[in-house]
Amino acid sequence: MFDDLEARLNRLAMERLANAIAVINGEDVPVIFDAEYQAGTVGVGMGAAVPQMVIANTRVPAGFIESRITVNGARWRVADCQAENSLPTGLSLVLLEKA
């Protein structure tokens, strides 16, 4: 019961603190977006940051990895989704790549 309450509270707090909107399967989803992609200077096709976002687990659709999404108007491919990896209960870390 406490885990469910904690997950709900974390989801609501995350959505209030969201700094971006992701369009996932045509639906606007509030997310916390970090590390905007920048081209690296070391080699061709290398990025200088790992773009990522935090999303509520309840907003992660089935088959999310490899899907294409839009965050604040920019196109991304979902490289990985780590549910509750090192995040509070009820949240997932999503790693992105430029689409």
C-alpha atoms as a PDB file:
ATOM      1  CA  MET A   1       0.000   0.000   0.000  1.00  0.00           C
ATOM      2  CA  PHE A   2       2.806   2.443   0.851  1.00  0.00           C
ATOM      3  CA  ASP A   3       4.559   1.706  -2.472  1.00  0.00           C
ATOM      4  CA  ASP A   4       1.386   2.586  -4.381  1.00  0.00           C
ATOM      5  CA  LEU A   5       0.972   5.821  -2.446  1.00  0.00           C
ATOM      6  CA  GLU A   6       4.635   6.717  -2.940  1.00  0.00           C
ATOM      7  CA  ALA A   7       4.436   6.018  -6.687  1.00  0.00           C
ATOM      8  CA  ARG A   8       1.313   8.181  -7.017  1.00  0.00           C
ATOM      9  CA  LEU A   9       2.871  11.053  -5.064  1.00  0.00           C
ATOM     10  CA  ASN A  10       6.105  10.866  -7.079  1.00  0.00           C
ATOM     11  CA  ARG A  11       4.159  10.839 -10.365  1.00  0.00           C
ATOM     12  CA  LEU A  12       2.114  13.883  -9.366  1.00  0.00           C
ATOM     13  CA  ALA A  13       5.201  15.779  -8.154  1.00  0.00           C
ATOM     14  CA  MET A  14       7.115  14.934 -11.333  1.00  0.00           C
ATOM     15  CA  GLU A  15       4.268  16.153 -13.531  1.00  0.00           C
ATOM     16  CA  ARG A  16       4.121  19.433 -11.572  1.00  0.00           C
ATOM     17  CA  LEU A  17       7.888  19.898 -11.980  1.00  0.00           C
ATOM     18  CA  ALA A  18       7.869  18.970 -15.678  1.00  0.00           C
ATOM     19  CA  ASN A  19       9.886  21.260 -17.925  1.00  0.00           C
ATOM     20  CA  ALA A  20       8.867  19.717 -21.254  1.00  0.00           C
ATOM     21  CA  ILE A  21       6.024  18.039 -23.110  1.00  0.00           C
ATOM     22  CA  ALA A  22       6.663  14.771 -24.937  1.00  0.00           C
ATOM     23  CA  VAL A  23       4.278  13.663 -27.661  1.00  0.00           C
ATOM     24  CA  ILE A  24       3.991   9.895 -27.321  1.00  0.00           C
ATOM     25  CA  ASN A  25       1.543   8.069 -29.606  1.00  0.00           C
ATOM     26  CA  GLY A  26      -0.208  11.395 -30.271  1.00  0.00           C
ATOM     27  CA  GLU A  27      -0.676  12.203 -26.582  1.00  0.00           C
ATOM     28  CA  ASP A  28       0.934  15.120 -24.704  1.00  0.00           C
ATOM     29  CA  VAL A  29       2.855  13.787 -21.691  1.00  0.00           C
ATOM     30  CA  PRO A  30       4.605  16.025 -19.125  1.00  0.00           C
ATOM     31  CA  VAL A  31       8.253  14.993 -18.612  1.00  0.00           C
ATOM     32  CA  ILE A  32      11.465  16.298 -17.113  1.00  0.00           C
ATOM     33  CA  PHE A  33      13.895  16.699 -20.017  1.00  0.00           C
ATOM     34  CA  ASP A  34      17.647  17.029 -19.520  1.00  0.00           C
ATOM     35  CA  ALA A  35      20.898  17.184 -21.507  1.00  0.00           C
ATOM     36  CA  GLU A  36      19.883  18.620 -24.845  1.00  0.00           C
ATOM     37  CA  TYR A  37      21.790  16.876 -27.644  1.00  0.00           C
ATOM     38  CA  GLN A  38      24.885  18.650 -28.951  1.00  0.00           C
ATOM     39  CA  ALA A  39      27.204  17.468 -31.682  1.00  0.00           C
ATOM     40  CA  GLY A  40      30.551  16.383 -30.282  1.00  0.00           C
ATOM     41  CA  THR A  41      33.922  17.568 -31.525  1.00  0.00           C
ATOM     42  CA  VAL A  42      35.723  14.225 -31.118  1.00  0.00           C
ATOM     43  CA  GLY A  43      34.318  12.327 -34.083  1.00  0.00           C
ATOM     44  CA  VAL A  44      31.579  12.114 -36.666  1.00  0.00           C
ATOM     45  CA  GLY A  45      28.151  11.333 -35.251  1.00  0.00           C
ATOM     46  CA  MET A  46      29.205  11.512 -31.615  1.00  0.00           C
ATOM     47  CA  GLY A  47      27.126  13.424 -29.118  1.00  0.00           C
ATOM     48  CA  ALA A  48      28.442  15.500 -26.262  1.00  0.00           C
ATOM     49  CA  ALA A  49      25.528  14.678 -23.949  1.00  0.00           C
ATOM     50  CA  VAL A  50      23.134  11.845 -23.285  1.00  0.00           C
ATOM     51  CA  PRO A  51      19.665  13.294 -23.811  1.00  0.00           C
ATOM     52  CA  GLN A  52      17.219  11.867 -21.313  1.00  0.00           C
ATOM     53  CA  MET A  53      13.850  12.405 -19.735  1.00  0.00           C
ATOM     54  CA  VAL A  54      12.035  11.281 -16.620  1.00  0.00           C
ATOM     55  CA  ILE A  55       8.484  10.059 -17.092  1.00  0.00           C
ATOM     56  CA  ALA A  56       5.828   8.479 -14.880  1.00  0.00           C
ATOM     57  CA  ASN A  57       5.732   4.686 -15.286  1.00  0.00           C
ATOM     58  CA  THR A  58       1.992   4.876 -15.946  1.00  0.00           C
ATOM     59  CA  ARG A  59       2.700   6.990 -19.058  1.00  0.00           C
ATOM     60  CA  VAL A  60       5.209   4.529 -20.599  1.00  0.00           C
ATOM     61  CA  PRO A  61       3.481   2.590 -23.407  1.00  0.00           C
ATOM     62  CA  ALA A  62       4.228  -1.037 -24.286  1.00  0.00           C
ATOM     63  CA  GLY A  63       7.007  -1.376 -26.843  1.00  0.00           C
ATOM     64  CA  PHE A  64       8.419   2.050 -25.934  1.00  0.00           C
ATOM     65  CA  ILE A  65      12.054   1.234 -26.787  1.00  0.00           C
ATOM     66  CA  GLU A  66      12.915   2.109 -30.423  1.00  0.00           C
ATOM     67  CA  SER A  67       9.765   4.237 -30.765  1.00  0.00           C
ATOM     68  CA  ARG A  68       9.881   7.783 -32.117  1.00  0.00           C
ATOM     69  CA  ILE A  69       8.690  10.650 -29.938  1.00  0.00           C
ATOM     70  CA  THR A  70       8.770  14.445 -29.977  1.00  0.00           C
ATOM     71  CA  VAL A  71       9.959  16.506 -27.004  1.00  0.00           C
ATOM     72  CA  ASN A  72       9.380  20.272 -27.206  1.00  0.00           C
ATOM     73  CA  GLY A  73       9.169  19.989 -30.999  1.00  0.00           C
ATOM     74  CA  ALA A  74      12.390  17.961 -31.518  1.00  0.00           C
ATOM     75  CA  ARG A  75      12.259  14.373 -32.839  1.00  0.00           C
ATOM     76  CA  TRP A  76      13.893  11.597 -30.772  1.00  0.00           C
ATOM     77  CA  ARG A  77      14.236   7.809 -30.781  1.00  0.00           C
ATOM     78  CA  VAL A  78      13.845   6.001 -27.457  1.00  0.00           C
ATOM     79  CA  ALA A  79      17.162   4.183 -26.915  1.00  0.00           C
ATOM     80  CA  ASP A  80      16.381   2.704 -23.490  1.00  0.00           C
ATOM     81  CA  CYS A  81      13.807   2.899 -20.716  1.00  0.00           C
ATOM     82  CA  GLN A  82      14.911   2.112 -17.179  1.00  0.00           C
ATOM     83  CA  ALA A  83      11.950   1.773 -14.863  1.00  0.00           C
ATOM     84  CA  GLU A  84      12.827   2.788 -11.310  1.00  0.00           C
ATOM     85  CA  ASN A  85      16.533   2.287 -12.002  1.00  0.00           C
ATOM     86  CA  SER A  86      17.847   4.903  -9.602  1.00  0.00           C
ATOM     87  CA  LEU A  87      14.728   7.052  -9.511  1.00  0.00           C
ATOM     88  CA  PRO A  88      11.977   7.291  -6.934  1.00  0.00           C
ATOM     89  CA  THR A  89       9.184   4.721  -7.099  1.00  0.00           C
ATOM     90  CA  GLY A  90       6.832   5.214 -10.035  1.00  0.00           C
ATOM     91  CA  LEU A  91       9.261   7.012 -12.351  1.00  0.00           C
ATOM     92  CA  SER A  92      11.324   5.848 -15.334  1.00  0.00           C
ATOM     93  CA  LEU A  93      14.508   7.209 -16.897  1.00  0.00           C
ATOM     94  CA  VAL A  94      14.325   7.295 -20.693  1.00  0.00           C
ATOM     95  CA  LEU A  95      17.534   7.637 -22.742  1.00  0.00           C
ATOM     96  CA  LEU A  96      17.096   9.323 -26.113  1.00  0.00           C
ATOM     97  CA  GLU A  97      18.929   9.557 -29.409  1.00  0.00           C
ATOM     98  CA  LYS A  98      18.431  12.093 -32.187  1.00  0.00           C
ATOM     99  CA  ALA A  99      15.926  10.706 -34.712  1.00  0.00           C
END
